[in-house]
Amino acid sequence: MSNIEQLLLDLKEGVEREIRQLQGSAEQGFAQVSTRFDTGAGARWRSRTDAWVEHVNGALEVQDREIADLRERLIKLERKAG
């Protein structure tokens, strides 16, 4: 095996080791995040997010009704004018 082949092989093995280590670190980090969401802090965050979503959905429903009402009024005005 030539020096270049050995160098490339060593490089490949080193990169593979680094990838395995990073993969392990990522899996550990995701496990920690998952654990936090399963605790009280995660439940509180989910609860606040759910409340925010309900608030936004309610506001959007009101806005949709107002837009529909305005469209109807505009159509009526256009019919009277035309």
N, C-alpha and C. Protein backbone atom coordinates (compact mmCIF):
# COMPACT_ATOMS: atom_id res chain seq x y z
N MET A 1 0.86 -1.17 0.00
CA MET A 1 0.00 0.00 0.00
C MET A 1 0.90 1.23 0.00
N SER A 2 0.58 2.17 -0.85
CA SER A 2 1.41 3.36 -0.95
C SER A 2 1.09 4.32 0.19
N ASN A 3 1.96 5.30 0.34
CA ASN A 3 1.77 6.30 1.41
C ASN A 3 0.46 7.07 1.22
N ILE A 4 0.12 7.41 -0.01
CA ILE A 4 -1.11 8.16 -0.28
C ILE A 4 -2.33 7.32 0.06
N GLU A 5 -2.28 6.02 -0.31
CA GLU A 5 -3.40 5.14 0.03
C GLU A 5 -3.56 5.03 1.53
N GLN A 6 -2.45 4.88 2.25
CA GLN A 6 -2.51 4.78 3.72
C GLN A 6 -3.03 6.08 4.32
N LEU A 7 -2.58 7.20 3.79
CA LEU A 7 -3.03 8.51 4.26
C LEU A 7 -4.54 8.65 4.07
N LEU A 8 -5.03 8.28 2.89
CA LEU A 8 -6.47 8.36 2.62
C LEU A 8 -7.26 7.42 3.52
N LEU A 9 -6.75 6.24 3.75
CA LEU A 9 -7.41 5.28 4.62
C LEU A 9 -7.47 5.82 6.05
N ASP A 10 -6.35 6.37 6.54
CA ASP A 10 -6.32 6.95 7.89
C ASP A 10 -7.29 8.12 8.00
N LEU A 11 -7.33 8.94 6.96
CA LEU A 11 -8.24 10.09 6.95
C LEU A 11 -9.69 9.62 7.01
N LYS A 12 -10.01 8.61 6.20
CA LYS A 12 -11.37 8.06 6.18
C LYS A 12 -11.76 7.52 7.54
N GLU A 13 -10.88 6.78 8.17
CA GLU A 13 -11.17 6.20 9.48
C GLU A 13 -11.34 7.30 10.53
N GLY A 14 -10.52 8.33 10.43
CA GLY A 14 -10.64 9.46 11.37
C GLY A 14 -11.97 10.18 11.23
N VAL A 15 -12.37 10.38 9.98
CA VAL A 15 -13.65 11.04 9.73
C VAL A 15 -14.80 10.17 10.24
N GLU A 16 -14.72 8.87 10.03
CA GLU A 16 -15.75 7.96 10.52
C GLU A 16 -15.87 8.03 12.04
N ARG A 17 -14.71 8.07 12.72
CA ARG A 17 -14.72 8.19 14.19
C ARG A 17 -15.40 9.49 14.62
N GLU A 18 -15.04 10.58 13.96
CA GLU A 18 -15.62 11.89 14.30
C GLU A 18 -17.13 11.88 14.09
N ILE A 19 -17.58 11.28 13.01
CA ILE A 19 -19.02 11.22 12.72
C ILE A 19 -19.73 10.42 13.80
N ARG A 20 -19.16 9.29 14.21
CA ARG A 20 -19.78 8.48 15.26
C ARG A 20 -19.86 9.26 16.57
N GLN A 21 -18.81 10.02 16.89
CA GLN A 21 -18.83 10.82 18.11
C GLN A 21 -19.88 11.93 18.03
N LEU A 22 -19.97 12.59 16.89
CA LEU A 22 -20.97 13.65 16.72
C LEU A 22 -22.39 13.07 16.77
N GLN A 23 -22.55 11.91 16.19
CA GLN A 23 -23.85 11.26 16.20
C GLN A 23 -24.26 10.94 17.64
N GLY A 24 -23.31 10.44 18.42
CA GLY A 24 -23.59 10.15 19.82
C GLY A 24 -23.93 11.41 20.59
N SER A 25 -23.21 12.49 20.34
CA SER A 25 -23.49 13.76 21.01
C SER A 25 -24.87 14.28 20.63
N ALA A 26 -25.22 14.17 19.35
CA ALA A 26 -26.53 14.64 18.90
C ALA A 26 -27.64 13.82 19.55
N GLU A 27 -27.48 12.51 19.60
CA GLU A 27 -28.49 11.66 20.23
C GLU A 27 -28.64 11.99 21.70
N GLN A 28 -27.54 12.26 22.38
CA GLN A 28 -27.59 12.63 23.79
C GLN A 28 -28.30 13.97 23.95
N GLY A 29 -28.00 14.92 23.09
CA GLY A 29 -28.66 16.23 23.16
C GLY A 29 -30.15 16.12 22.92
N PHE A 30 -30.56 15.33 21.94
CA PHE A 30 -31.99 15.15 21.68
C PHE A 30 -32.67 14.47 22.86
N ALA A 31 -31.99 13.54 23.50
CA ALA A 31 -32.56 12.87 24.68
C ALA A 31 -32.77 13.88 25.80
N GLN A 32 -31.83 14.80 25.98
CA GLN A 32 -31.96 15.83 27.02
C GLN A 32 -33.14 16.75 26.73
N VAL A 33 -33.28 17.15 25.47
CA VAL A 33 -34.40 18.01 25.09
C VAL A 33 -35.72 17.29 25.32
N SER A 34 -35.77 16.04 24.94
CA SER A 34 -36.97 15.24 25.13
C SER A 34 -37.32 15.14 26.61
N THR A 35 -36.30 14.94 27.44
CA THR A 35 -36.53 14.84 28.88
C THR A 35 -37.08 16.14 29.42
N ARG A 36 -36.55 17.28 28.95
CA ARG A 36 -37.04 18.58 29.41
C ARG A 36 -38.49 18.78 29.03
N PHE A 37 -38.89 18.33 27.84
CA PHE A 37 -40.28 18.48 27.44
C PHE A 37 -41.19 17.57 28.25
N ASP A 38 -40.65 16.48 28.74
CA ASP A 38 -41.46 15.56 29.53
C ASP A 38 -41.59 16.03 30.98
N THR A 39 -40.79 17.01 31.38
CA THR A 39 -40.85 17.52 32.75
C THR A 39 -41.86 18.64 32.83
N GLY A 40 -41.95 19.24 34.00
CA GLY A 40 -42.88 20.34 34.22
C GLY A 40 -42.63 21.53 33.31
N ALA A 41 -41.37 21.85 33.06
CA ALA A 41 -41.06 23.00 32.20
C ALA A 41 -41.61 22.78 30.80
N GLY A 42 -41.47 21.60 30.29
CA GLY A 42 -41.99 21.30 28.96
C GLY A 42 -43.50 21.36 28.93
N ALA A 43 -44.13 20.86 29.99
CA ALA A 43 -45.59 20.90 30.05
C ALA A 43 -46.08 22.34 30.12
N ARG A 44 -45.39 23.18 30.90
CA ARG A 44 -45.77 24.59 30.97
C ARG A 44 -45.61 25.26 29.61
N TRP A 45 -44.52 24.95 28.92
CA TRP A 45 -44.28 25.54 27.60
C TRP A 45 -45.37 25.11 26.64
N ARG A 46 -45.71 23.83 26.66
CA ARG A 46 -46.77 23.34 25.78
C ARG A 46 -48.10 24.01 26.11
N SER A 47 -48.37 24.19 27.39
CA SER A 47 -49.62 24.81 27.81
C SER A 47 -49.69 26.25 27.32
N ARG A 48 -48.59 27.00 27.47
CA ARG A 48 -48.56 28.39 26.99
C ARG A 48 -48.70 28.44 25.48
N THR A 49 -48.06 27.51 24.79
CA THR A 49 -48.15 27.48 23.33
C THR A 49 -49.58 27.17 22.89
N ASP A 50 -50.22 26.22 23.56
CA ASP A 50 -51.61 25.88 23.23
C ASP A 50 -52.52 27.08 23.44
N ALA A 51 -52.32 27.81 24.55
CA ALA A 51 -53.13 29.00 24.82
C ALA A 51 -52.91 30.06 23.76
N TRP A 52 -51.67 30.25 23.35
CA TRP A 52 -51.36 31.23 22.31
C TRP A 52 -52.02 30.85 21.00
N VAL A 53 -51.95 29.56 20.64
CA VAL A 53 -52.56 29.09 19.40
C VAL A 53 -54.07 29.32 19.43
N GLU A 54 -54.71 29.04 20.55
CA GLU A 54 -56.15 29.26 20.67
C GLU A 54 -56.48 30.75 20.51
N HIS A 55 -55.66 31.60 21.12
CA HIS A 55 -55.86 33.05 21.02
C HIS A 55 -55.74 33.50 19.56
N VAL A 56 -54.69 33.06 18.89
CA VAL A 56 -54.47 33.45 17.49
C VAL A 56 -55.59 32.91 16.61
N ASN A 57 -55.99 31.67 16.81
CA ASN A 57 -57.08 31.10 16.02
C ASN A 57 -58.37 31.88 16.22
N GLY A 58 -58.65 32.27 17.46
CA GLY A 58 -59.84 33.07 17.74
C GLY A 58 -59.78 34.41 17.03
N ALA A 59 -58.62 35.06 17.07
CA ALA A 59 -58.45 36.35 16.40
C ALA A 59 -58.62 36.20 14.89
N LEU A 60 -58.11 35.12 14.33
CA LEU A 60 -58.26 34.88 12.89
C LEU A 60 -59.71 34.63 12.50
N GLU A 61 -60.44 33.93 13.36
CA GLU A 61 -61.86 33.69 13.08
C GLU A 61 -62.63 35.00 13.07
N VAL A 62 -62.35 35.87 14.05
CA VAL A 62 -63.00 37.18 14.09
C VAL A 62 -62.66 37.97 12.84
N GLN A 63 -61.41 37.96 12.47
CA GLN A 63 -60.96 38.69 11.28
C GLN A 63 -61.64 38.14 10.02
N ASP A 64 -61.75 36.82 9.92
CA ASP A 64 -62.42 36.21 8.76
C ASP A 64 -63.88 36.64 8.68
N ARG A 65 -64.57 36.66 9.84
CA ARG A 65 -65.97 37.08 9.85
C ARG A 65 -66.10 38.54 9.44
N GLU A 66 -65.20 39.38 9.95
CA GLU A 66 -65.24 40.80 9.59
C GLU A 66 -65.00 41.01 8.10
N ILE A 67 -64.06 40.29 7.54
CA ILE A 67 -63.77 40.39 6.11
C ILE A 67 -64.98 39.94 5.30
N ALA A 68 -65.60 38.83 5.70
CA ALA A 68 -66.78 38.35 4.99
C ALA A 68 -67.90 39.37 5.06
N ASP A 69 -68.09 39.98 6.23
CA ASP A 69 -69.11 41.01 6.40
C ASP A 69 -68.82 42.21 5.50
N LEU A 70 -67.59 42.65 5.47
CA LEU A 70 -67.21 43.78 4.62
C LEU A 70 -67.42 43.47 3.14
N ARG A 71 -67.13 42.25 2.74
CA ARG A 71 -67.34 41.85 1.34
C ARG A 71 -68.82 41.90 0.99
N GLU A 72 -69.65 41.39 1.89
CA GLU A 72 -71.09 41.42 1.65
C GLU A 72 -71.59 42.85 1.53
N ARG A 73 -71.13 43.71 2.43
CA ARG A 73 -71.54 45.11 2.38
C ARG A 73 -71.08 45.79 1.09
N LEU A 74 -69.85 45.47 0.66
CA LEU A 74 -69.33 46.04 -0.57
C LEU A 74 -70.14 45.58 -1.79
N ILE A 75 -70.49 44.30 -1.82
CA ILE A 75 -71.30 43.77 -2.92
C ILE A 75 -72.65 44.47 -2.96
N LYS A 76 -73.27 44.67 -1.78
CA LYS A 76 -74.56 45.35 -1.73
C LYS A 76 -74.43 46.78 -2.24
N LEU A 77 -73.39 47.49 -1.83
CA LEU A 77 -73.18 48.86 -2.29
C LEU A 77 -72.95 48.92 -3.78
N GLU A 78 -72.17 47.97 -4.32
CA GLU A 78 -71.92 47.94 -5.75
C GLU A 78 -73.20 47.66 -6.53
N ARG A 79 -74.08 46.82 -6.00
CA ARG A 79 -75.35 46.53 -6.67
C ARG A 79 -76.24 47.78 -6.70
N LYS A 80 -76.26 48.51 -5.58
CA LYS A 80 -77.07 49.73 -5.52
C LYS A 80 -76.54 50.78 -6.48
N ALA A 81 -75.20 50.86 -6.58
CA ALA A 81 -74.58 51.88 -7.46
C ALA A 81 -74.67 51.48 -8.92
N GLY A 82 -74.69 50.22 -9.20
CA GLY A 82 -74.63 49.77 -10.59
C GLY A 82 -75.94 49.50 -11.15
